[in-house]
Amino acid sequence: MFVMRSIGIEAGSGLVSEDATNILDTVEVFDLNGNAIPISDLWKDRKAVVAFARHFGCVLCRRRADYLAAKKDIMDASGVALVLIGPGSVDQAKTFSEQTKFKGEVYADPSHSSYKALQFVSGVSTTFTPKAGLKIIQSYMEGYRQDWKLSFEGDTMAKGGWQQGGIIVAGPGKTNISYIHKDKEAGDDPDIEDIIKTCC
């Protein structure tokens, strides 16, 4: 697990490079109505826990969404927004939101620009690992299911099938990223208490 954490430190201190924050400032994501929003606006005026899904059909991402939403009451009490971004279309984001009833905000990043800016890893070798396989089995035993239709849509197969995600805690302030976890492999969840200590 790769976690860098430091409370209240501005980007440029080593958590996220200045180049990355500059690139993020140009990245747009789309809400469920199809409106383009600069990604840094999601945390410009508030603190937010932002989860980046592998793709909208991913069983492990559905499990992670619940893992984070289970602490939403704590986040709400601290005025912290819970956000999930996925590499895919607005329609895929809507389907994910409807299927999971995710308690936070959901956005689509069809260009995968935020993933590139944050340098999240991608590749077959980071997707099919023994640990990931065990987590998939565990997720199925807990009742989670992969949406194979979403998983095999053209855009996901072409660009997002091997993409890994991560979690950041950011804001208030466009360049203020106080926590970043980059998944080393599929299902590489960080300790939820680290996230809560940073955000709340």
N, C-alpha and C. Protein backbone atom coordinates (compact mmCIF):
# COMPACT_ATOMS: atom_id res chain seq x y z
N MET A 1 0.85 -1.18 0.00
CA MET A 1 0.00 0.00 0.00
C MET A 1 0.89 1.24 0.00
N PHE A 2 0.54 2.20 -0.86
CA PHE A 2 1.32 3.43 -0.96
C PHE A 2 0.47 4.58 -0.48
N VAL A 3 0.80 5.11 0.68
CA VAL A 3 0.04 6.22 1.23
C VAL A 3 0.98 7.34 1.61
N MET A 4 0.66 8.54 1.20
CA MET A 4 1.38 9.71 1.69
C MET A 4 0.37 10.56 2.40
N ARG A 5 0.67 10.97 3.60
CA ARG A 5 -0.31 11.69 4.40
C ARG A 5 0.37 12.80 5.17
N SER A 6 -0.22 13.97 5.14
CA SER A 6 0.27 15.07 5.96
C SER A 6 -0.84 16.08 6.11
N ILE A 7 -1.22 16.35 7.32
CA ILE A 7 -2.38 17.19 7.56
C ILE A 7 -2.06 18.66 7.30
N GLY A 8 -2.89 19.28 6.46
CA GLY A 8 -2.83 20.72 6.26
C GLY A 8 -1.65 21.23 5.44
N ILE A 9 -0.97 20.36 4.72
CA ILE A 9 0.18 20.80 3.93
C ILE A 9 -0.28 21.13 2.52
N GLU A 10 0.19 22.23 2.02
CA GLU A 10 -0.17 22.64 0.68
C GLU A 10 0.54 21.76 -0.34
N ALA A 11 -0.11 21.57 -1.51
CA ALA A 11 0.52 20.83 -2.59
C ALA A 11 1.80 21.54 -2.97
N GLY A 12 2.76 20.76 -3.44
CA GLY A 12 4.07 21.31 -3.73
C GLY A 12 5.04 20.90 -2.64
N SER A 13 4.51 20.36 -1.54
CA SER A 13 5.34 19.93 -0.42
C SER A 13 5.77 18.48 -0.57
N GLY A 14 5.35 17.83 -1.63
CA GLY A 14 5.73 16.44 -1.83
C GLY A 14 4.54 15.52 -1.99
N LEU A 15 3.36 15.91 -1.48
CA LEU A 15 2.19 15.06 -1.66
C LEU A 15 1.79 15.00 -3.13
N VAL A 16 1.66 16.15 -3.74
CA VAL A 16 1.32 16.25 -5.15
C VAL A 16 2.21 17.33 -5.75
N SER A 17 2.80 17.04 -6.88
CA SER A 17 3.73 18.00 -7.47
C SER A 17 2.99 19.25 -7.96
N GLU A 18 3.76 20.33 -8.08
CA GLU A 18 3.18 21.57 -8.59
C GLU A 18 2.64 21.37 -10.00
N ASP A 19 3.37 20.58 -10.80
CA ASP A 19 2.89 20.29 -12.17
C ASP A 19 1.53 19.60 -12.13
N ALA A 20 1.38 18.65 -11.20
CA ALA A 20 0.11 17.92 -11.10
C ALA A 20 -1.02 18.85 -10.71
N THR A 21 -0.78 19.74 -9.74
CA THR A 21 -1.85 20.66 -9.33
C THR A 21 -2.18 21.64 -10.45
N ASN A 22 -1.18 22.03 -11.23
CA ASN A 22 -1.44 22.91 -12.37
C ASN A 22 -2.29 22.20 -13.42
N ILE A 23 -1.98 20.92 -13.66
CA ILE A 23 -2.76 20.13 -14.62
C ILE A 23 -4.18 19.93 -14.10
N LEU A 24 -4.29 19.60 -12.81
CA LEU A 24 -5.62 19.41 -12.22
C LEU A 24 -6.49 20.65 -12.39
N ASP A 25 -5.87 21.81 -12.35
CA ASP A 25 -6.62 23.07 -12.47
C ASP A 25 -7.27 23.21 -13.85
N THR A 26 -6.80 22.42 -14.82
CA THR A 26 -7.36 22.47 -16.18
C THR A 26 -8.30 21.30 -16.47
N VAL A 27 -8.38 20.35 -15.54
CA VAL A 27 -9.19 19.15 -15.74
C VAL A 27 -10.66 19.45 -15.46
N GLU A 28 -11.53 18.96 -16.33
CA GLU A 28 -12.96 19.07 -16.10
C GLU A 28 -13.56 17.68 -15.91
N VAL A 29 -14.49 17.59 -14.95
CA VAL A 29 -15.29 16.39 -14.79
C VAL A 29 -16.74 16.79 -15.04
N PHE A 30 -17.61 15.78 -15.13
CA PHE A 30 -19.00 16.05 -15.49
C PHE A 30 -19.94 15.50 -14.43
N ASP A 31 -20.90 16.34 -14.02
CA ASP A 31 -21.88 15.86 -13.04
C ASP A 31 -22.91 15.00 -13.76
N LEU A 32 -23.87 14.48 -13.00
CA LEU A 32 -24.83 13.54 -13.56
C LEU A 32 -25.81 14.18 -14.54
N ASN A 33 -25.81 15.52 -14.60
CA ASN A 33 -26.62 16.23 -15.60
C ASN A 33 -25.81 16.57 -16.84
N GLY A 34 -24.53 16.18 -16.85
CA GLY A 34 -23.68 16.45 -18.02
C GLY A 34 -23.01 17.80 -17.99
N ASN A 35 -23.08 18.51 -16.86
CA ASN A 35 -22.43 19.82 -16.75
C ASN A 35 -20.95 19.65 -16.46
N ALA A 36 -20.12 20.37 -17.20
CA ALA A 36 -18.67 20.34 -16.97
C ALA A 36 -18.31 21.20 -15.77
N ILE A 37 -17.45 20.66 -14.91
CA ILE A 37 -17.03 21.36 -13.70
C ILE A 37 -15.52 21.20 -13.55
N PRO A 38 -14.78 22.29 -13.36
CA PRO A 38 -13.34 22.13 -13.07
C PRO A 38 -13.18 21.27 -11.82
N ILE A 39 -12.35 20.25 -11.90
CA ILE A 39 -12.26 19.30 -10.79
C ILE A 39 -11.86 19.99 -9.49
N SER A 40 -10.98 20.97 -9.58
CA SER A 40 -10.54 21.64 -8.35
C SER A 40 -11.65 22.44 -7.69
N ASP A 41 -12.74 22.74 -8.43
CA ASP A 41 -13.89 23.40 -7.83
C ASP A 41 -14.60 22.49 -6.82
N LEU A 42 -14.36 21.18 -6.93
CA LEU A 42 -15.00 20.24 -6.00
C LEU A 42 -14.48 20.42 -4.58
N TRP A 43 -13.27 20.99 -4.46
CA TRP A 43 -12.71 21.21 -3.13
C TRP A 43 -12.19 22.64 -2.92
N LYS A 44 -12.50 23.53 -3.83
CA LYS A 44 -12.02 24.91 -3.74
C LYS A 44 -12.52 25.60 -2.46
N ASP A 45 -13.80 25.40 -2.13
CA ASP A 45 -14.40 26.11 -1.01
C ASP A 45 -14.80 25.19 0.15
N ARG A 46 -14.34 23.96 0.10
CA ARG A 46 -14.70 23.00 1.14
C ARG A 46 -13.65 21.90 1.19
N LYS A 47 -13.70 21.10 2.22
CA LYS A 47 -12.85 19.91 2.27
C LYS A 47 -13.64 18.75 1.67
N ALA A 48 -12.96 17.88 0.95
CA ALA A 48 -13.64 16.75 0.32
C ALA A 48 -12.76 15.50 0.35
N VAL A 49 -13.40 14.37 0.56
CA VAL A 49 -12.78 13.06 0.36
C VAL A 49 -13.19 12.65 -1.05
N VAL A 50 -12.20 12.48 -1.93
CA VAL A 50 -12.48 12.19 -3.34
C VAL A 50 -11.91 10.82 -3.68
N ALA A 51 -12.79 9.89 -4.00
CA ALA A 51 -12.38 8.54 -4.39
C ALA A 51 -12.39 8.44 -5.92
N PHE A 52 -11.36 7.85 -6.47
CA PHE A 52 -11.25 7.64 -7.91
C PHE A 52 -11.43 6.15 -8.17
N ALA A 53 -12.53 5.80 -8.84
CA ALA A 53 -12.85 4.40 -9.12
C ALA A 53 -12.01 3.87 -10.27
N ARG A 54 -11.82 2.56 -10.30
CA ARG A 54 -11.14 1.92 -11.44
C ARG A 54 -11.99 2.10 -12.70
N HIS A 55 -13.25 1.76 -12.59
CA HIS A 55 -14.25 2.04 -13.62
C HIS A 55 -15.61 1.81 -12.99
N PHE A 56 -16.66 2.26 -13.64
CA PHE A 56 -17.98 2.27 -13.02
C PHE A 56 -18.60 0.89 -12.85
N GLY A 57 -18.09 -0.13 -13.56
CA GLY A 57 -18.63 -1.47 -13.41
C GLY A 57 -17.90 -2.32 -12.38
N CYS A 58 -16.81 -1.82 -11.86
CA CYS A 58 -15.89 -2.59 -11.00
C CYS A 58 -16.52 -2.99 -9.67
N VAL A 59 -16.48 -4.29 -9.37
CA VAL A 59 -17.04 -4.81 -8.12
C VAL A 59 -16.30 -4.25 -6.91
N LEU A 60 -14.98 -4.09 -7.03
CA LEU A 60 -14.18 -3.59 -5.92
C LEU A 60 -14.47 -2.11 -5.65
N CYS A 61 -14.82 -1.39 -6.70
CA CYS A 61 -15.16 0.03 -6.54
C CYS A 61 -16.51 0.20 -5.85
N ARG A 62 -17.41 -0.73 -6.11
CA ARG A 62 -18.71 -0.70 -5.45
C ARG A 62 -18.54 -0.97 -3.96
N ARG A 63 -17.64 -1.88 -3.65
CA ARG A 63 -17.34 -2.18 -2.24
C ARG A 63 -16.69 -0.95 -1.58
N ARG A 64 -15.75 -0.30 -2.30
CA ARG A 64 -15.09 0.89 -1.75
C ARG A 64 -16.09 2.02 -1.52
N ALA A 65 -17.03 2.17 -2.43
CA ALA A 65 -18.04 3.22 -2.27
C ALA A 65 -18.79 3.04 -0.95
N ASP A 66 -19.15 1.81 -0.62
CA ASP A 66 -19.83 1.54 0.65
C ASP A 66 -18.90 1.73 1.84
N TYR A 67 -17.65 1.34 1.66
CA TYR A 67 -16.62 1.45 2.70
C TYR A 67 -16.47 2.91 3.13
N LEU A 68 -16.49 3.81 2.16
CA LEU A 68 -16.39 5.24 2.46
C LEU A 68 -17.72 5.81 2.96
N ALA A 69 -18.81 5.40 2.32
CA ALA A 69 -20.12 5.94 2.70
C ALA A 69 -20.49 5.56 4.13
N ALA A 70 -19.93 4.46 4.63
CA ALA A 70 -20.20 4.05 6.02
C ALA A 70 -19.73 5.10 7.03
N LYS A 71 -18.79 5.97 6.60
CA LYS A 71 -18.28 7.03 7.48
C LYS A 71 -18.82 8.41 7.10
N LYS A 72 -19.85 8.43 6.26
CA LYS A 72 -20.36 9.71 5.77
C LYS A 72 -20.93 10.58 6.90
N ASP A 73 -21.52 9.96 7.91
CA ASP A 73 -22.05 10.75 9.03
C ASP A 73 -20.95 11.57 9.71
N ILE A 74 -19.78 10.96 9.86
CA ILE A 74 -18.64 11.66 10.45
C ILE A 74 -18.21 12.80 9.54
N MET A 75 -18.15 12.51 8.22
CA MET A 75 -17.77 13.54 7.25
C MET A 75 -18.78 14.69 7.27
N ASP A 76 -20.07 14.34 7.27
CA ASP A 76 -21.11 15.37 7.28
C ASP A 76 -20.97 16.27 8.51
N ALA A 77 -20.71 15.66 9.65
CA ALA A 77 -20.60 16.42 10.90
C ALA A 77 -19.42 17.38 10.86
N SER A 78 -18.41 17.06 10.05
CA SER A 78 -17.23 17.92 9.92
C SER A 78 -17.30 18.82 8.69
N GLY A 79 -18.41 18.78 7.97
CA GLY A 79 -18.56 19.62 6.78
C GLY A 79 -17.72 19.16 5.61
N VAL A 80 -17.46 17.86 5.54
CA VAL A 80 -16.61 17.30 4.49
C VAL A 80 -17.48 16.59 3.45
N ALA A 81 -17.27 16.91 2.18
CA ALA A 81 -18.03 16.28 1.10
C ALA A 81 -17.42 14.93 0.75
N LEU A 82 -18.26 14.00 0.35
CA LEU A 82 -17.81 12.69 -0.14
C LEU A 82 -18.09 12.64 -1.64
N VAL A 83 -17.04 12.41 -2.42
CA VAL A 83 -17.13 12.48 -3.88
C VAL A 83 -16.52 11.23 -4.48
N LEU A 84 -17.14 10.72 -5.54
CA LEU A 84 -16.55 9.61 -6.31
C LEU A 84 -16.46 10.03 -7.77
N ILE A 85 -15.30 9.80 -8.36
CA ILE A 85 -15.07 10.09 -9.78
C ILE A 85 -14.71 8.79 -10.47
N GLY A 86 -15.29 8.57 -11.64
CA GLY A 86 -14.96 7.37 -12.40
C GLY A 86 -14.52 7.71 -13.81
N PRO A 87 -13.63 6.90 -14.38
CA PRO A 87 -13.18 7.12 -15.75
C PRO A 87 -14.19 6.55 -16.73
N GLY A 88 -15.08 7.37 -17.19
CA GLY A 88 -16.11 6.89 -18.11
C GLY A 88 -17.08 8.01 -18.44
N SER A 89 -18.19 7.62 -19.04
CA SER A 89 -19.16 8.59 -19.53
C SER A 89 -20.15 8.99 -18.43
N VAL A 90 -20.89 10.05 -18.70
CA VAL A 90 -21.94 10.50 -17.78
C VAL A 90 -23.00 9.41 -17.64
N ASP A 91 -23.34 8.74 -18.72
CA ASP A 91 -24.33 7.66 -18.65
C ASP A 91 -23.85 6.53 -17.74
N GLN A 92 -22.57 6.20 -17.82
CA GLN A 92 -22.02 5.17 -16.94
C GLN A 92 -22.08 5.63 -15.48
N ALA A 93 -21.77 6.90 -15.25
CA ALA A 93 -21.82 7.45 -13.90
C ALA A 93 -23.24 7.39 -13.35
N LYS A 94 -24.23 7.71 -14.19
CA LYS A 94 -25.63 7.65 -13.77
C LYS A 94 -26.02 6.22 -13.39
N THR A 95 -25.61 5.27 -14.21
CA THR A 95 -25.94 3.87 -13.94
C THR A 95 -25.33 3.43 -12.62
N PHE A 96 -24.05 3.79 -12.41
CA PHE A 96 -23.38 3.46 -11.16
C PHE A 96 -24.14 4.05 -9.98
N SER A 97 -24.52 5.31 -10.08
CA SER A 97 -25.22 6.01 -9.00
C SER A 97 -26.57 5.34 -8.69
N GLU A 98 -27.29 4.98 -9.75
CA GLU A 98 -28.59 4.33 -9.57
C GLU A 98 -28.44 2.94 -8.95
N GLN A 99 -27.44 2.20 -9.41
CA GLN A 99 -27.25 0.83 -8.92
C GLN A 99 -26.77 0.78 -7.48
N THR A 100 -25.85 1.67 -7.12
CA THR A 100 -25.22 1.59 -5.81
C THR A 100 -25.92 2.43 -4.75
N LYS A 101 -26.74 3.41 -5.20
CA LYS A 101 -27.36 4.36 -4.26
C LYS A 101 -26.28 5.05 -3.41
N PHE A 102 -25.15 5.33 -4.05
CA PHE A 102 -24.02 5.96 -3.36
C PHE A 102 -24.47 7.26 -2.71
N LYS A 103 -24.09 7.46 -1.46
CA LYS A 103 -24.57 8.60 -0.67
C LYS A 103 -23.85 9.90 -0.99
N GLY A 104 -22.74 9.83 -1.71
CA GLY A 104 -21.98 11.03 -2.03
C GLY A 104 -22.29 11.53 -3.44
N GLU A 105 -21.46 12.45 -3.91
CA GLU A 105 -21.58 13.01 -5.25
C GLU A 105 -20.80 12.13 -6.23
N VAL A 106 -21.33 11.98 -7.45
CA VAL A 106 -20.69 11.14 -8.47
C VAL A 106 -20.41 11.99 -9.71
N TYR A 107 -19.20 11.87 -10.22
CA TYR A 107 -18.78 12.61 -11.42
C TYR A 107 -18.08 11.67 -12.39
N ALA A 108 -18.13 12.03 -13.66
CA ALA A 108 -17.47 11.26 -14.71
C ALA A 108 -16.26 12.02 -15.24
N ASP A 109 -15.20 11.27 -15.51
CA ASP A 109 -14.00 11.83 -16.14
C ASP A 109 -13.73 11.04 -17.42
N PRO A 110 -14.47 11.36 -18.50
CA PRO A 110 -14.34 10.57 -19.72
C PRO A 110 -12.96 10.63 -20.38
N SER A 111 -12.21 11.69 -20.12
CA SER A 111 -10.88 11.82 -20.73
C SER A 111 -9.78 11.19 -19.87
N HIS A 112 -10.13 10.80 -18.63
CA HIS A 112 -9.18 10.22 -17.68
C HIS A 112 -8.09 11.21 -17.28
N SER A 113 -8.35 12.50 -17.49
CA SER A 113 -7.33 13.52 -17.24
C SER A 113 -6.90 13.60 -15.79
N SER A 114 -7.85 13.43 -14.88
CA SER A 114 -7.50 13.52 -13.45
C SER A 114 -6.60 12.36 -13.04
N TYR A 115 -6.85 11.19 -13.62
CA TYR A 115 -6.03 10.01 -13.32
C TYR A 115 -4.60 10.21 -13.80
N LYS A 116 -4.48 10.82 -14.98
CA LYS A 116 -3.15 11.10 -15.53
C LYS A 116 -2.43 12.14 -14.69
N ALA A 117 -3.15 13.18 -14.29
CA ALA A 117 -2.54 14.26 -13.50
C ALA A 117 -2.03 13.73 -12.17
N LEU A 118 -2.78 12.84 -11.54
CA LEU A 118 -2.39 12.29 -10.24
C LEU A 118 -1.48 11.07 -10.37
N GLN A 119 -1.22 10.69 -11.61
CA GLN A 119 -0.28 9.59 -11.92
C GLN A 119 -0.71 8.28 -11.24
N PHE A 120 -2.00 7.98 -11.33
CA PHE A 120 -2.48 6.70 -10.86
C PHE A 120 -2.01 5.62 -11.83
N VAL A 121 -1.66 4.46 -11.29
CA VAL A 121 -1.08 3.41 -12.13
C VAL A 121 -2.14 2.73 -12.98
N SER A 122 -1.68 2.10 -14.04
CA SER A 122 -2.56 1.37 -14.93
C SER A 122 -1.79 0.20 -15.52
N GLY A 123 -2.47 -0.89 -15.76
CA GLY A 123 -1.82 -2.03 -16.40
C GLY A 123 -2.41 -3.35 -15.96
N VAL A 124 -2.22 -4.36 -16.79
CA VAL A 124 -2.73 -5.70 -16.51
C VAL A 124 -2.12 -6.23 -15.22
N SER A 125 -0.82 -5.97 -15.01
CA SER A 125 -0.12 -6.53 -13.84
C SER A 125 -0.60 -5.93 -12.53
N THR A 126 -1.26 -4.77 -12.58
CA THR A 126 -1.79 -4.17 -11.36
C THR A 126 -3.26 -4.53 -11.15
N THR A 127 -3.84 -5.21 -12.12
CA THR A 127 -5.25 -5.58 -12.05
C THR A 127 -5.42 -7.04 -11.61
N PHE A 128 -4.66 -7.91 -12.22
CA PHE A 128 -4.78 -9.34 -11.90
C PHE A 128 -3.64 -9.74 -10.96
N THR A 129 -3.89 -9.62 -9.67
CA THR A 129 -2.92 -10.01 -8.66
C THR A 129 -3.59 -10.99 -7.70
N PRO A 130 -2.81 -11.79 -6.98
CA PRO A 130 -3.43 -12.71 -6.01
C PRO A 130 -4.29 -11.99 -4.97
N LYS A 131 -3.79 -10.85 -4.44
CA LYS A 131 -4.56 -10.11 -3.44
C LYS A 131 -5.87 -9.59 -4.03
N ALA A 132 -5.81 -9.08 -5.26
CA ALA A 132 -7.02 -8.57 -5.91
C ALA A 132 -8.02 -9.70 -6.11
N GLY A 133 -7.53 -10.86 -6.50
CA GLY A 133 -8.41 -12.02 -6.68
C GLY A 133 -9.13 -12.39 -5.40
N LEU A 134 -8.40 -12.39 -4.30
CA LEU A 134 -9.01 -12.71 -3.00
C LEU A 134 -10.06 -11.66 -2.61
N LYS A 135 -9.76 -10.40 -2.91
CA LYS A 135 -10.70 -9.33 -2.57
C LYS A 135 -11.97 -9.41 -3.42
N ILE A 136 -11.81 -9.85 -4.66
CA ILE A 136 -12.99 -10.03 -5.52
C ILE A 136 -13.87 -11.14 -4.96
N ILE A 137 -13.26 -12.25 -4.57
CA ILE A 137 -14.02 -13.36 -3.98
C ILE A 137 -14.73 -12.89 -2.71
N GLN A 138 -14.00 -12.15 -1.86
CA GLN A 138 -14.58 -11.63 -0.63
C GLN A 138 -15.75 -10.70 -0.93
N SER A 139 -15.58 -9.85 -1.94
CA SER A 139 -16.64 -8.90 -2.31
C SER A 139 -17.90 -9.64 -2.76
N TYR A 140 -17.72 -10.68 -3.57
CA TYR A 140 -18.87 -11.47 -4.03
C TYR A 140 -19.55 -12.17 -2.86
N MET A 141 -18.75 -12.66 -1.91
CA MET A 141 -19.32 -13.31 -0.74
C MET A 141 -20.12 -12.33 0.12
N GLU A 142 -19.75 -11.04 0.05
CA GLU A 142 -20.46 -10.00 0.79
C GLU A 142 -21.66 -9.46 0.02
N GLY A 143 -21.87 -9.96 -1.19
CA GLY A 143 -23.06 -9.58 -1.96
C GLY A 143 -22.83 -8.56 -3.05
N TYR A 144 -21.59 -8.11 -3.24
CA TYR A 144 -21.30 -7.15 -4.31
C TYR A 144 -21.20 -7.88 -5.64
N ARG A 145 -21.53 -7.17 -6.72
CA ARG A 145 -21.47 -7.76 -8.05
C ARG A 145 -20.85 -6.80 -9.05
N GLN A 146 -20.09 -7.35 -9.97
CA GLN A 146 -19.54 -6.61 -11.09
C GLN A 146 -20.68 -6.35 -12.07
N ASP A 147 -20.72 -5.16 -12.66
CA ASP A 147 -21.64 -4.91 -13.76
C ASP A 147 -20.88 -5.17 -15.05
N TRP A 148 -21.11 -6.34 -15.62
CA TRP A 148 -20.31 -6.74 -16.79
C TRP A 148 -20.65 -5.91 -18.01
N LYS A 149 -21.89 -5.43 -18.10
CA LYS A 149 -22.25 -4.58 -19.24
C LYS A 149 -21.43 -3.29 -19.21
N LEU A 150 -21.38 -2.65 -18.05
CA LEU A 150 -20.56 -1.44 -17.92
C LEU A 150 -19.08 -1.76 -18.13
N SER A 151 -18.65 -2.90 -17.60
CA SER A 151 -17.23 -3.26 -17.65
C SER A 151 -16.74 -3.49 -19.08
N PHE A 152 -17.65 -3.94 -19.94
CA PHE A 152 -17.22 -4.26 -21.30
C PHE A 152 -17.65 -3.23 -22.33
N GLU A 153 -18.11 -2.07 -21.87
CA GLU A 153 -18.39 -0.99 -22.83
C GLU A 153 -17.09 -0.54 -23.46
N GLY A 154 -17.20 -0.10 -24.71
CA GLY A 154 -16.02 0.22 -25.50
C GLY A 154 -15.01 1.12 -24.82
N ASP A 155 -15.50 2.21 -24.22
CA ASP A 155 -14.60 3.18 -23.61
C ASP A 155 -13.84 2.55 -22.44
N THR A 156 -14.54 1.76 -21.63
CA THR A 156 -13.89 1.13 -20.48
C THR A 156 -12.83 0.15 -20.94
N MET A 157 -13.15 -0.65 -21.93
CA MET A 157 -12.20 -1.64 -22.43
C MET A 157 -10.98 -0.96 -23.08
N ALA A 158 -11.24 0.13 -23.80
CA ALA A 158 -10.16 0.80 -24.52
C ALA A 158 -9.23 1.56 -23.58
N LYS A 159 -9.82 2.21 -22.55
CA LYS A 159 -8.99 3.10 -21.72
C LYS A 159 -9.00 2.80 -20.24
N GLY A 160 -10.09 2.24 -19.73
CA GLY A 160 -10.21 2.15 -18.29
C GLY A 160 -10.14 0.78 -17.67
N GLY A 161 -10.10 -0.26 -18.47
CA GLY A 161 -10.15 -1.60 -17.93
C GLY A 161 -9.03 -1.96 -17.00
N TRP A 162 -7.86 -1.38 -17.24
CA TRP A 162 -6.68 -1.69 -16.42
C TRP A 162 -6.30 -0.54 -15.50
N GLN A 163 -7.12 0.49 -15.48
CA GLN A 163 -6.83 1.69 -14.68
C GLN A 163 -7.03 1.41 -13.19
N GLN A 164 -6.09 1.86 -12.38
CA GLN A 164 -6.28 1.82 -10.93
C GLN A 164 -6.64 3.23 -10.46
N GLY A 165 -7.24 3.30 -9.31
CA GLY A 165 -7.67 4.58 -8.79
C GLY A 165 -6.91 4.99 -7.55
N GLY A 166 -7.61 5.65 -6.65
CA GLY A 166 -6.99 6.12 -5.43
C GLY A 166 -7.97 6.98 -4.65
N ILE A 167 -7.47 7.61 -3.61
CA ILE A 167 -8.30 8.48 -2.77
C ILE A 167 -7.46 9.68 -2.36
N ILE A 168 -8.06 10.86 -2.44
CA ILE A 168 -7.39 12.05 -1.93
C ILE A 168 -8.31 12.75 -0.92
N VAL A 169 -7.71 13.51 -0.03
CA VAL A 169 -8.44 14.47 0.79
C VAL A 169 -7.92 15.83 0.36
N ALA A 170 -8.82 16.69 -0.05
CA ALA A 170 -8.40 17.98 -0.61
C ALA A 170 -9.29 19.11 -0.12
N GLY A 171 -8.71 20.32 -0.12
CA GLY A 171 -9.44 21.52 0.21
C GLY A 171 -9.48 21.82 1.71
N PRO A 172 -10.04 22.98 2.05
CA PRO A 172 -10.42 24.03 1.11
C PRO A 172 -9.19 24.68 0.47
N GLY A 173 -9.37 25.13 -0.74
CA GLY A 173 -8.26 25.67 -1.53
C GLY A 173 -7.92 24.72 -2.65
N LYS A 174 -7.79 25.26 -3.85
CA LYS A 174 -7.58 24.43 -5.04
C LYS A 174 -6.34 23.55 -4.97
N THR A 175 -5.28 24.05 -4.34
CA THR A 175 -4.02 23.29 -4.34
C THR A 175 -3.76 22.56 -3.03
N ASN A 176 -4.71 22.61 -2.12
CA ASN A 176 -4.52 22.00 -0.81
C ASN A 176 -4.93 20.53 -0.82
N ILE A 177 -3.97 19.65 -1.05
CA ILE A 177 -4.22 18.20 -1.01
C ILE A 177 -3.44 17.65 0.18
N SER A 178 -4.18 17.24 1.21
CA SER A 178 -3.56 16.86 2.48
C SER A 178 -3.35 15.36 2.64
N TYR A 179 -3.89 14.57 1.70
CA TYR A 179 -3.76 13.11 1.79
C TYR A 179 -3.89 12.56 0.38
N ILE A 180 -3.05 11.59 0.05
CA ILE A 180 -3.22 10.88 -1.22
C ILE A 180 -2.85 9.42 -1.04
N HIS A 181 -3.72 8.58 -1.52
CA HIS A 181 -3.46 7.14 -1.57
C HIS A 181 -3.57 6.72 -3.03
N LYS A 182 -2.52 6.13 -3.57
CA LYS A 182 -2.54 5.62 -4.94
C LYS A 182 -2.61 4.10 -4.87
N ASP A 183 -3.67 3.54 -5.41
CA ASP A 183 -3.80 2.08 -5.38
C ASP A 183 -2.65 1.43 -6.14
N LYS A 184 -1.99 0.49 -5.48
CA LYS A 184 -0.93 -0.25 -6.15
C LYS A 184 -1.49 -1.36 -7.02
N GLU A 185 -2.70 -1.81 -6.65
CA GLU A 185 -3.37 -2.88 -7.38
C GLU A 185 -4.87 -2.75 -7.15
N ALA A 186 -5.64 -3.51 -7.88
CA ALA A 186 -7.09 -3.46 -7.72
C ALA A 186 -7.48 -3.84 -6.29
N GLY A 187 -8.35 -3.03 -5.70
CA GLY A 187 -8.84 -3.32 -4.36
C GLY A 187 -7.91 -2.93 -3.23
N ASP A 188 -6.91 -2.10 -3.53
CA ASP A 188 -5.92 -1.69 -2.52
C ASP A 188 -6.48 -0.56 -1.65
N ASP A 189 -7.40 -0.92 -0.77
CA ASP A 189 -8.04 0.09 0.08
C ASP A 189 -7.11 0.55 1.19
N PRO A 190 -7.03 1.85 1.43
CA PRO A 190 -6.26 2.36 2.57
C PRO A 190 -7.03 2.17 3.86
N ASP A 191 -6.38 2.41 4.97
CA ASP A 191 -7.03 2.35 6.28
C ASP A 191 -8.01 3.53 6.39
N ILE A 192 -9.27 3.22 6.59
CA ILE A 192 -10.30 4.26 6.66
C ILE A 192 -10.01 5.25 7.78
N GLU A 193 -9.37 4.79 8.86
CA GLU A 193 -9.08 5.69 9.98
C GLU A 193 -8.07 6.75 9.58
N ASP A 194 -7.14 6.44 8.68
CA ASP A 194 -6.20 7.45 8.19
C ASP A 194 -6.94 8.56 7.46
N ILE A 195 -7.94 8.17 6.66
CA ILE A 195 -8.72 9.15 5.91
C ILE A 195 -9.52 10.03 6.88
N ILE A 196 -10.16 9.39 7.85
CA ILE A 196 -10.99 10.14 8.80
C ILE A 196 -10.14 11.09 9.64
N LYS A 197 -8.95 10.64 10.06
CA LYS A 197 -8.06 11.52 10.84
C LYS A 197 -7.67 12.75 10.03
N THR A 198 -7.47 12.57 8.75
CA THR A 198 -7.06 13.69 7.90
C THR A 198 -8.21 14.63 7.59
N CYS A 199 -9.37 14.07 7.32
CA CYS A 199 -10.47 14.92 6.84
C CYS A 199 -11.32 15.49 7.97
N CYS A 200 -11.33 14.81 9.14
CA CYS A 200 -12.35 15.17 10.13
C CYS A 200 -11.78 15.39 11.52
